[in-house]
Amino acid sequence: LATLYFGAWARRHPDLMVLTVSPGGTRGTNFMSSGNVPYAMALVVPYIMWIFGLFGFFNSVESGAKRYVDALIGSDEYKDFASGTFVASASGVAGPVSDQTKTSKGGVQYGKAQKQ
């Protein structure tokens, strides 16, 4: 929902650069121990994330945070994105990022002005 809102907001404020950035699937946070998930999930999911992380299926906290910093300062591929873009993993939940409105079947909706 926020992605749609900020896409519309970017159109109303063309003088500003606005990106919606996903940190990706990020292991190493305390989300699973926060009491917001069922007990069984809180026990099992951290181990699954750790194992999948070894194979590159999840980002580290540092890698997820780096996405925000890179977007903020406009470094690497972030300097090439247009304002209003939803930026997330190009494939899966980790790895290089892309404009989701152009590369993801489900992401096309985020670029549609009528939905924003």
N, C-alpha and C. Protein backbone atom coordinates (compact mmCIF):
# COMPACT_ATOMS: atom_id res chain seq x y z
N LEU A 1 0.82 -1.19 0.00
CA LEU A 1 0.00 0.00 0.00
C LEU A 1 0.87 1.26 0.00
N ALA A 2 1.93 1.25 0.81
CA ALA A 2 2.82 2.41 0.86
C ALA A 2 3.52 2.61 -0.48
N THR A 3 3.82 1.52 -1.18
CA THR A 3 4.47 1.63 -2.48
C THR A 3 3.58 2.39 -3.46
N LEU A 4 2.30 2.08 -3.47
CA LEU A 4 1.36 2.79 -4.34
C LEU A 4 1.26 4.27 -3.94
N TYR A 5 1.19 4.52 -2.65
CA TYR A 5 1.08 5.89 -2.17
C TYR A 5 2.29 6.72 -2.60
N PHE A 6 3.49 6.19 -2.39
CA PHE A 6 4.69 6.96 -2.72
C PHE A 6 4.92 7.08 -4.22
N GLY A 7 4.40 6.14 -5.01
CA GLY A 7 4.43 6.31 -6.46
C GLY A 7 3.61 7.51 -6.88
N ALA A 8 2.41 7.64 -6.30
CA ALA A 8 1.55 8.79 -6.59
C ALA A 8 2.17 10.07 -6.04
N TRP A 9 2.74 10.00 -4.86
CA TRP A 9 3.36 11.17 -4.24
C TRP A 9 4.50 11.68 -5.10
N ALA A 10 5.28 10.76 -5.67
CA ALA A 10 6.40 11.15 -6.54
C ALA A 10 5.89 11.91 -7.77
N ARG A 11 4.75 11.49 -8.33
CA ARG A 11 4.18 12.19 -9.48
C ARG A 11 3.72 13.61 -9.11
N ARG A 12 3.20 13.77 -7.90
CA ARG A 12 2.73 15.08 -7.45
C ARG A 12 3.88 16.01 -7.07
N HIS A 13 5.05 15.44 -6.86
CA HIS A 13 6.23 16.23 -6.47
C HIS A 13 7.40 15.91 -7.39
N PRO A 14 7.31 16.31 -8.66
CA PRO A 14 8.36 15.96 -9.63
C PRO A 14 9.72 16.59 -9.32
N ASP A 15 9.75 17.56 -8.44
CA ASP A 15 11.01 18.20 -8.06
C ASP A 15 11.80 17.37 -7.06
N LEU A 16 11.19 16.30 -6.53
CA LEU A 16 11.86 15.44 -5.54
C LEU A 16 12.12 14.05 -6.12
N MET A 17 13.18 13.41 -5.64
CA MET A 17 13.48 12.04 -6.04
C MET A 17 12.93 11.12 -4.95
N VAL A 18 11.99 10.24 -5.34
CA VAL A 18 11.33 9.36 -4.39
C VAL A 18 11.46 7.91 -4.87
N LEU A 19 12.01 7.06 -4.04
CA LEU A 19 12.10 5.63 -4.33
C LEU A 19 11.47 4.87 -3.17
N THR A 20 10.77 3.80 -3.48
CA THR A 20 10.32 2.87 -2.44
C THR A 20 11.27 1.68 -2.54
N VAL A 21 11.99 1.41 -1.46
CA VAL A 21 13.06 0.39 -1.49
C VAL A 21 12.75 -0.73 -0.51
N SER A 22 12.83 -1.96 -1.00
CA SER A 22 12.68 -3.13 -0.14
C SER A 22 14.06 -3.62 0.29
N PRO A 23 14.23 -3.93 1.57
CA PRO A 23 15.52 -4.47 2.01
C PRO A 23 15.72 -5.91 1.55
N GLY A 24 14.65 -6.52 1.02
CA GLY A 24 14.73 -7.92 0.61
C GLY A 24 14.48 -8.83 1.79
N GLY A 25 14.56 -10.11 1.54
CA GLY A 25 14.45 -11.08 2.63
C GLY A 25 15.70 -10.95 3.48
N THR A 26 15.54 -10.54 4.72
CA THR A 26 16.68 -10.20 5.56
C THR A 26 16.73 -11.06 6.81
N ARG A 27 17.79 -11.81 6.94
CA ARG A 27 17.98 -12.64 8.14
C ARG A 27 18.78 -11.84 9.16
N GLY A 28 18.64 -12.21 10.41
CA GLY A 28 19.42 -11.55 11.45
C GLY A 28 18.68 -10.46 12.19
N THR A 29 17.37 -10.33 11.95
CA THR A 29 16.58 -9.35 12.69
C THR A 29 15.90 -10.06 13.86
N ASN A 30 15.25 -9.31 14.70
CA ASN A 30 14.55 -9.89 15.85
C ASN A 30 13.05 -10.06 15.59
N PHE A 31 12.64 -9.94 14.35
CA PHE A 31 11.21 -9.99 14.05
C PHE A 31 10.56 -11.28 14.56
N MET A 32 11.18 -12.41 14.35
CA MET A 32 10.58 -13.68 14.73
C MET A 32 10.49 -13.86 16.25
N SER A 33 11.27 -13.13 16.99
CA SER A 33 11.21 -13.26 18.45
C SER A 33 10.41 -12.13 19.09
N SER A 34 9.73 -11.35 18.28
CA SER A 34 9.02 -10.17 18.79
C SER A 34 7.65 -10.48 19.38
N GLY A 35 7.21 -11.73 19.27
CA GLY A 35 5.88 -12.08 19.79
C GLY A 35 4.78 -11.86 18.78
N ASN A 36 5.14 -11.46 17.57
CA ASN A 36 4.14 -11.19 16.53
C ASN A 36 3.82 -12.41 15.67
N VAL A 37 4.51 -13.49 15.90
CA VAL A 37 4.31 -14.69 15.08
C VAL A 37 4.00 -15.87 15.99
N PRO A 38 3.34 -16.90 15.46
CA PRO A 38 3.07 -18.08 16.28
C PRO A 38 4.38 -18.70 16.81
N TYR A 39 4.28 -19.28 17.97
CA TYR A 39 5.45 -19.83 18.67
C TYR A 39 6.25 -20.81 17.80
N ALA A 40 5.57 -21.72 17.11
CA ALA A 40 6.27 -22.71 16.28
C ALA A 40 7.07 -22.04 15.18
N MET A 41 6.49 -21.02 14.56
CA MET A 41 7.22 -20.29 13.52
C MET A 41 8.44 -19.58 14.09
N ALA A 42 8.27 -19.00 15.27
CA ALA A 42 9.39 -18.29 15.91
C ALA A 42 10.55 -19.23 16.21
N LEU A 43 10.26 -20.50 16.41
CA LEU A 43 11.32 -21.48 16.65
C LEU A 43 11.98 -21.97 15.37
N VAL A 44 11.19 -22.21 14.35
CA VAL A 44 11.68 -22.86 13.13
C VAL A 44 12.24 -21.90 12.09
N VAL A 45 11.56 -20.80 11.84
CA VAL A 45 11.93 -19.91 10.74
C VAL A 45 13.34 -19.34 10.86
N PRO A 46 13.82 -18.93 12.04
CA PRO A 46 15.19 -18.42 12.09
C PRO A 46 16.23 -19.43 11.60
N TYR A 47 16.03 -20.71 11.87
CA TYR A 47 16.96 -21.73 11.39
C TYR A 47 16.87 -21.90 9.88
N ILE A 48 15.65 -21.86 9.37
CA ILE A 48 15.47 -21.96 7.92
C ILE A 48 16.14 -20.77 7.23
N MET A 49 15.94 -19.59 7.78
CA MET A 49 16.55 -18.39 7.18
C MET A 49 18.07 -18.47 7.24
N TRP A 50 18.60 -18.99 8.32
CA TRP A 50 20.05 -19.11 8.46
C TRP A 50 20.60 -20.07 7.41
N ILE A 51 19.96 -21.23 7.25
CA ILE A 51 20.40 -22.23 6.27
C ILE A 51 20.27 -21.67 4.86
N PHE A 52 19.11 -21.09 4.54
CA PHE A 52 18.93 -20.53 3.20
C PHE A 52 19.88 -19.37 2.95
N GLY A 53 20.21 -18.64 4.01
CA GLY A 53 21.17 -17.54 3.90
C GLY A 53 22.54 -18.01 3.47
N LEU A 54 22.92 -19.19 3.89
CA LEU A 54 24.21 -19.77 3.48
C LEU A 54 24.27 -19.96 1.96
N PHE A 55 23.12 -20.18 1.35
CA PHE A 55 23.05 -20.40 -0.09
C PHE A 55 22.70 -19.12 -0.86
N GLY A 56 22.67 -17.98 -0.14
CA GLY A 56 22.40 -16.70 -0.79
C GLY A 56 20.95 -16.38 -1.03
N PHE A 57 20.04 -17.11 -0.36
CA PHE A 57 18.62 -16.86 -0.57
C PHE A 57 18.09 -15.71 0.27
N PHE A 58 18.85 -15.23 1.24
CA PHE A 58 18.44 -14.10 2.07
C PHE A 58 19.60 -13.13 2.20
N ASN A 59 19.28 -11.85 2.42
CA ASN A 59 20.29 -10.83 2.67
C ASN A 59 20.67 -10.82 4.14
N SER A 60 21.85 -10.34 4.43
CA SER A 60 22.22 -10.03 5.81
C SER A 60 21.56 -8.70 6.17
N VAL A 61 21.52 -8.38 7.45
CA VAL A 61 20.98 -7.09 7.88
C VAL A 61 21.79 -5.97 7.24
N GLU A 62 23.10 -6.14 7.17
CA GLU A 62 23.97 -5.11 6.59
C GLU A 62 23.65 -4.89 5.11
N SER A 63 23.41 -5.97 4.40
CA SER A 63 23.08 -5.87 2.97
C SER A 63 21.72 -5.20 2.76
N GLY A 64 20.75 -5.55 3.60
CA GLY A 64 19.44 -4.91 3.52
C GLY A 64 19.52 -3.42 3.83
N ALA A 65 20.31 -3.07 4.85
CA ALA A 65 20.48 -1.66 5.22
C ALA A 65 21.23 -0.89 4.13
N LYS A 66 22.19 -1.56 3.49
CA LYS A 66 22.95 -0.92 2.41
C LYS A 66 22.04 -0.49 1.27
N ARG A 67 20.98 -1.24 1.02
CA ARG A 67 20.04 -0.83 -0.03
C ARG A 67 19.46 0.54 0.28
N TYR A 68 19.09 0.78 1.54
CA TYR A 68 18.53 2.08 1.92
C TYR A 68 19.57 3.19 1.77
N VAL A 69 20.77 2.93 2.23
CA VAL A 69 21.83 3.94 2.16
C VAL A 69 22.17 4.25 0.70
N ASP A 70 22.31 3.21 -0.13
CA ASP A 70 22.62 3.43 -1.54
C ASP A 70 21.53 4.24 -2.24
N ALA A 71 20.27 3.95 -1.91
CA ALA A 71 19.16 4.71 -2.49
C ALA A 71 19.20 6.16 -2.02
N LEU A 72 19.50 6.36 -0.77
CA LEU A 72 19.53 7.71 -0.20
C LEU A 72 20.60 8.58 -0.84
N ILE A 73 21.78 8.01 -1.07
CA ILE A 73 22.88 8.81 -1.65
C ILE A 73 22.98 8.66 -3.17
N GLY A 74 22.13 7.81 -3.75
CA GLY A 74 22.10 7.67 -5.20
C GLY A 74 23.30 6.96 -5.78
N SER A 75 23.82 5.97 -5.08
CA SER A 75 24.99 5.27 -5.60
C SER A 75 24.60 4.01 -6.36
N ASP A 76 25.57 3.47 -7.06
CA ASP A 76 25.41 2.24 -7.84
C ASP A 76 24.21 2.36 -8.78
N GLU A 77 23.42 1.29 -8.86
CA GLU A 77 22.31 1.27 -9.81
C GLU A 77 21.16 2.21 -9.41
N TYR A 78 21.15 2.68 -8.18
CA TYR A 78 20.06 3.54 -7.72
C TYR A 78 20.02 4.88 -8.44
N LYS A 79 21.15 5.32 -8.96
CA LYS A 79 21.17 6.61 -9.67
C LYS A 79 20.41 6.54 -10.99
N ASP A 80 20.15 5.34 -11.49
CA ASP A 80 19.48 5.16 -12.78
C ASP A 80 17.97 5.02 -12.69
N PHE A 81 17.42 4.86 -11.49
CA PHE A 81 15.98 4.68 -11.34
C PHE A 81 15.26 6.02 -11.41
N ALA A 82 14.09 6.01 -12.01
CA ALA A 82 13.25 7.21 -12.07
C ALA A 82 12.53 7.40 -10.75
N SER A 83 12.19 8.62 -10.45
CA SER A 83 11.43 8.91 -9.23
C SER A 83 10.09 8.18 -9.28
N GLY A 84 9.68 7.61 -8.16
CA GLY A 84 8.44 6.86 -8.07
C GLY A 84 8.62 5.36 -8.23
N THR A 85 9.85 4.93 -8.49
CA THR A 85 10.13 3.52 -8.73
C THR A 85 10.06 2.69 -7.46
N PHE A 86 9.55 1.47 -7.58
CA PHE A 86 9.58 0.48 -6.50
C PHE A 86 10.78 -0.41 -6.78
N VAL A 87 11.79 -0.34 -5.91
CA VAL A 87 13.04 -1.06 -6.09
C VAL A 87 13.09 -2.24 -5.13
N ALA A 88 13.28 -3.44 -5.68
CA ALA A 88 13.38 -4.66 -4.87
C ALA A 88 14.25 -5.66 -5.60
N SER A 89 14.45 -6.81 -5.01
CA SER A 89 15.30 -7.85 -5.61
C SER A 89 14.80 -8.19 -7.02
N ALA A 90 15.74 -8.29 -7.94
CA ALA A 90 15.40 -8.60 -9.32
C ALA A 90 14.82 -10.01 -9.44
N SER A 91 15.31 -10.91 -8.61
CA SER A 91 14.84 -12.29 -8.63
C SER A 91 14.85 -12.83 -7.21
N GLY A 92 13.76 -13.37 -6.76
CA GLY A 92 13.70 -13.89 -5.39
C GLY A 92 13.66 -12.78 -4.38
N VAL A 93 14.32 -13.01 -3.23
CA VAL A 93 14.28 -12.02 -2.14
C VAL A 93 15.66 -11.50 -1.76
N ALA A 94 16.67 -11.80 -2.57
CA ALA A 94 18.03 -11.32 -2.30
C ALA A 94 18.73 -11.07 -3.62
N GLY A 95 19.88 -10.43 -3.54
CA GLY A 95 20.67 -10.18 -4.74
C GLY A 95 20.45 -8.81 -5.33
N PRO A 96 20.84 -8.65 -6.59
CA PRO A 96 20.73 -7.34 -7.26
C PRO A 96 19.28 -6.84 -7.30
N VAL A 97 19.14 -5.52 -7.38
CA VAL A 97 17.81 -4.92 -7.38
C VAL A 97 17.41 -4.48 -8.78
N SER A 98 16.10 -4.27 -8.97
CA SER A 98 15.59 -3.78 -10.24
C SER A 98 14.30 -3.01 -9.99
N ASP A 99 13.85 -2.33 -11.04
CA ASP A 99 12.56 -1.62 -11.02
C ASP A 99 11.48 -2.68 -11.14
N GLN A 100 10.74 -2.90 -10.08
CA GLN A 100 9.73 -3.96 -10.05
C GLN A 100 8.58 -3.73 -11.02
N THR A 101 8.35 -2.49 -11.41
CA THR A 101 7.26 -2.23 -12.35
C THR A 101 7.62 -2.70 -13.76
N LYS A 102 8.91 -3.00 -13.99
CA LYS A 102 9.35 -3.44 -15.31
C LYS A 102 9.81 -4.89 -15.34
N THR A 103 10.19 -5.44 -14.20
CA THR A 103 10.80 -6.77 -14.22
C THR A 103 10.00 -7.84 -13.49
N SER A 104 8.99 -7.47 -12.76
CA SER A 104 8.23 -8.43 -11.97
C SER A 104 6.79 -8.47 -12.45
N LYS A 105 6.26 -9.67 -12.68
CA LYS A 105 4.86 -9.79 -13.10
C LYS A 105 3.93 -9.11 -12.11
N GLY A 106 4.13 -9.38 -10.83
CA GLY A 106 3.29 -8.78 -9.80
C GLY A 106 3.60 -7.32 -9.57
N GLY A 107 4.79 -6.88 -9.96
CA GLY A 107 5.21 -5.50 -9.71
C GLY A 107 4.64 -4.48 -10.68
N VAL A 108 4.13 -4.93 -11.82
CA VAL A 108 3.59 -4.02 -12.82
C VAL A 108 2.52 -3.11 -12.22
N GLN A 109 1.74 -3.66 -11.29
CA GLN A 109 0.66 -2.88 -10.67
C GLN A 109 1.16 -1.63 -9.95
N TYR A 110 2.39 -1.66 -9.45
CA TYR A 110 2.91 -0.52 -8.70
C TYR A 110 3.19 0.70 -9.57
N GLY A 111 3.30 0.50 -10.87
CA GLY A 111 3.55 1.61 -11.78
C GLY A 111 2.30 2.16 -12.42
N LYS A 112 1.15 1.61 -12.15
CA LYS A 112 -0.10 2.04 -12.78
C LYS A 112 -0.69 3.21 -12.00
N ALA A 113 -0.77 4.35 -12.66
CA ALA A 113 -1.26 5.57 -12.01
C ALA A 113 -2.70 5.41 -11.50
N GLN A 114 -3.54 4.69 -12.21
CA GLN A 114 -4.93 4.54 -11.78
C GLN A 114 -5.06 3.75 -10.48
N LYS A 115 -4.08 2.92 -10.14
CA LYS A 115 -4.12 2.18 -8.87
C LYS A 115 -3.52 3.00 -7.74
N GLN A 116 -2.77 4.00 -8.11
CA GLN A 116 -2.13 4.82 -7.09
C GLN A 116 -3.11 5.88 -6.64
